[in-house]
C-alpha atoms as a PDB file:
ATOM      1  CA  MET A   1      17.719  66.378 -12.969  1.00  0.00           C
ATOM      2  CA  SER A   2      14.690  69.080 -13.037  1.00  0.00           C
ATOM      3  CA  ALA A   3      11.011  68.389 -14.085  1.00  0.00           C
ATOM      4  CA  ARG A   4      10.987  69.387 -17.464  1.00  0.00           C
ATOM      5  CA  PRO A   5       7.138  71.227 -18.228  1.00  0.00           C
ATOM      6  CA  GLU A   6       4.954  69.363 -20.604  1.00  0.00           C
ATOM      7  CA  HIS A   7       4.387  71.057 -23.425  1.00  0.00           C
ATOM      8  CA  PRO A   8       0.512  72.307 -23.884  1.00  0.00           C
ATOM      9  CA  THR A   9      -1.796  70.455 -26.113  1.00  0.00           C
ATOM     10  CA  ILE A  10      -5.532  71.291 -27.139  1.00  0.00           C
ATOM     11  CA  THR A  11      -7.557  68.218 -29.085  1.00  0.00           C
ATOM     12  CA  ALA A  12     -10.775  69.509 -30.551  1.00  0.00           C
ATOM     13  CA  TYR A  13     -13.169  66.378 -29.494  1.00  0.00           C
ATOM     14  CA  PRO A  14     -15.844  65.931 -32.253  1.00  0.00           C
ATOM     15  CA  ASP A  15     -19.291  67.314 -30.936  1.00  0.00           C
ATOM     16  CA  GLY A  16     -17.288  67.948 -27.621  1.00  0.00           C
ATOM     17  CA  PRO A  17     -15.160  70.162 -25.841  1.00  0.00           C
ATOM     18  CA  LEU A  18     -11.246  71.558 -26.597  1.00  0.00           C
ATOM     19  CA  LEU A  19      -9.135  69.278 -23.955  1.00  0.00           C
ATOM     20  CA  VAL A  20      -6.235  71.123 -22.512  1.00  0.00           C
ATOM     21  CA  ARG A  21      -3.246  69.094 -21.592  1.00  0.00           C
ATOM     22  CA  GLY A  22       0.247  70.778 -20.421  1.00  0.00           C
ATOM     23  CA  ASP A  23       1.319  73.739 -18.591  1.00  0.00           C
ATOM     24  CA  ILE A  24      -0.672  76.570 -19.506  1.00  0.00           C
ATOM     25  CA  ASP A  25      -1.836  79.872 -18.329  1.00  0.00           C
ATOM     26  CA  LEU A  26      -6.207  80.363 -18.636  1.00  0.00           C
ATOM     27  CA  VAL A  27      -7.520  84.464 -18.529  1.00  0.00           C
ATOM     28  CA  ASP A  28     -10.769  85.142 -18.678  1.00  0.00           C
ATOM     29  CA  ALA A  29     -11.425  88.388 -21.603  1.00  0.00           C
ATOM     30  CA  GLU A  30      -9.925  91.115 -18.853  1.00  0.00           C
ATOM     31  CA  GLY A  31      -6.537  88.894 -18.817  1.00  0.00           C
ATOM     32  CA  ALA A  32      -7.853  87.975 -15.073  1.00  0.00           C
ATOM     33  CA  PRO A  33      -6.451  84.802 -14.467  1.00  0.00           C
ATOM     34  CA  ILE A  34      -8.566  81.847 -14.203  1.00  0.00           C
ATOM     35  CA  GLU A  35      -8.117  79.005 -11.636  1.00  0.00           C
ATOM     36  CA  ARG A  36      -7.392  75.267 -12.645  1.00  0.00           C
ATOM     37  CA  HIS A  37      -7.872  72.344 -10.529  1.00  0.00           C
ATOM     38  CA  ARG A  38      -6.619  69.830 -12.880  1.00  0.00           C
ATOM     39  CA  ARG A  39      -3.820  69.288 -14.972  1.00  0.00           C
ATOM     40  CA  THR A  40      -5.727  68.376 -18.363  1.00  0.00           C
ATOM     41  CA  ILE A  41      -9.447  70.964 -18.250  1.00  0.00           C
ATOM     42  CA  ALA A  42     -12.382  70.565 -20.997  1.00  0.00           C
ATOM     43  CA  LEU A  43     -13.473  73.408 -22.474  1.00  0.00           C
ATOM     44  CA  CYS A  44     -16.893  74.300 -23.391  1.00  0.00           C
ATOM     45  CA  ARG A  45     -17.844  75.048 -26.686  1.00  0.00           C
ATOM     46  CA  CYS A  46     -21.269  74.639 -27.166  1.00  0.00           C
ATOM     47  CA  GLY A  47     -21.398  77.161 -24.728  1.00  0.00           C
ATOM     48  CA  LEU A  48     -24.044  76.051 -23.089  1.00  0.00           C
ATOM     49  CA  SER A  49     -22.565  75.271 -20.149  1.00  0.00           C
ATOM     50  CA  ALA A  50     -23.328  76.212 -16.395  1.00  0.00           C
ATOM     51  CA  ILE A  51     -19.215  76.373 -15.440  1.00  0.00           C
ATOM     52  CA  LYS A  52     -18.042  78.597 -18.036  1.00  0.00           C
ATOM     53  CA  PRO A  53     -15.686  78.303 -19.417  1.00  0.00           C
ATOM     54  CA  PHE A  54     -15.243  74.404 -18.381  1.00  0.00           C
ATOM     55  CA  CYS A  55     -17.029  71.956 -20.253  1.00  0.00           C
ATOM     56  CA  ASP A  56     -20.086  70.033 -17.972  1.00  0.00           C
ATOM     57  CA  GLY A  57     -21.335  67.873 -20.768  1.00  0.00           C
ATOM     58  CA  THR A  58     -24.263  69.871 -21.489  1.00  0.00           C
ATOM     59  CA  HIS A  59     -23.380  69.707 -24.957  1.00  0.00           C
ATOM     60  CA  LYS A  60     -24.195  65.945 -25.109  1.00  0.00           C
ATOM     61  CA  PRO A  61     -28.259  66.412 -24.683  1.00  0.00           C
ATOM     62  CA  ALA A  62     -28.694  69.871 -26.161  1.00  0.00           C
ATOM     63  CA  GLY A  63     -27.429  67.887 -29.766  1.00  0.00           C
ATOM     64  CA  PHE A  64     -23.994  69.902 -30.087  1.00  0.00           C
ATOM     65  CA  ARG A  65     -22.509  69.533 -33.256  1.00  0.00           C
ATOM     66  CA  THR A  66     -19.025  70.150 -34.182  1.00  0.00           C
ATOM     67  CA  GLU A  67     -18.482  70.805 -38.617  1.00  0.00           C
ATOM     68  CA  ASP A  68     -17.156  67.805 -40.520  1.00  0.00           C
END
C-alpha cells in the first residue's frame, strides 16, 4: 500500500500566522523554491518577521490584529 499525500490545508489564525499543513510547493515571487524544514509551517501575515516568509512570533509584541 502506497502512502497517500496529505491534502494541503491553510488555517488563518486570529491575530497570527497562516498555518500551512500538507504537501505544497512554496515559492518566492520569482518562482524560486523556498525550502521547507517541517511538514507544518507558519507563514507571516504581519510583515514584521525577521525570517520571512515564515512567522517568528513578532506579531504578538507588535500587537498585530486581523479583522473579524
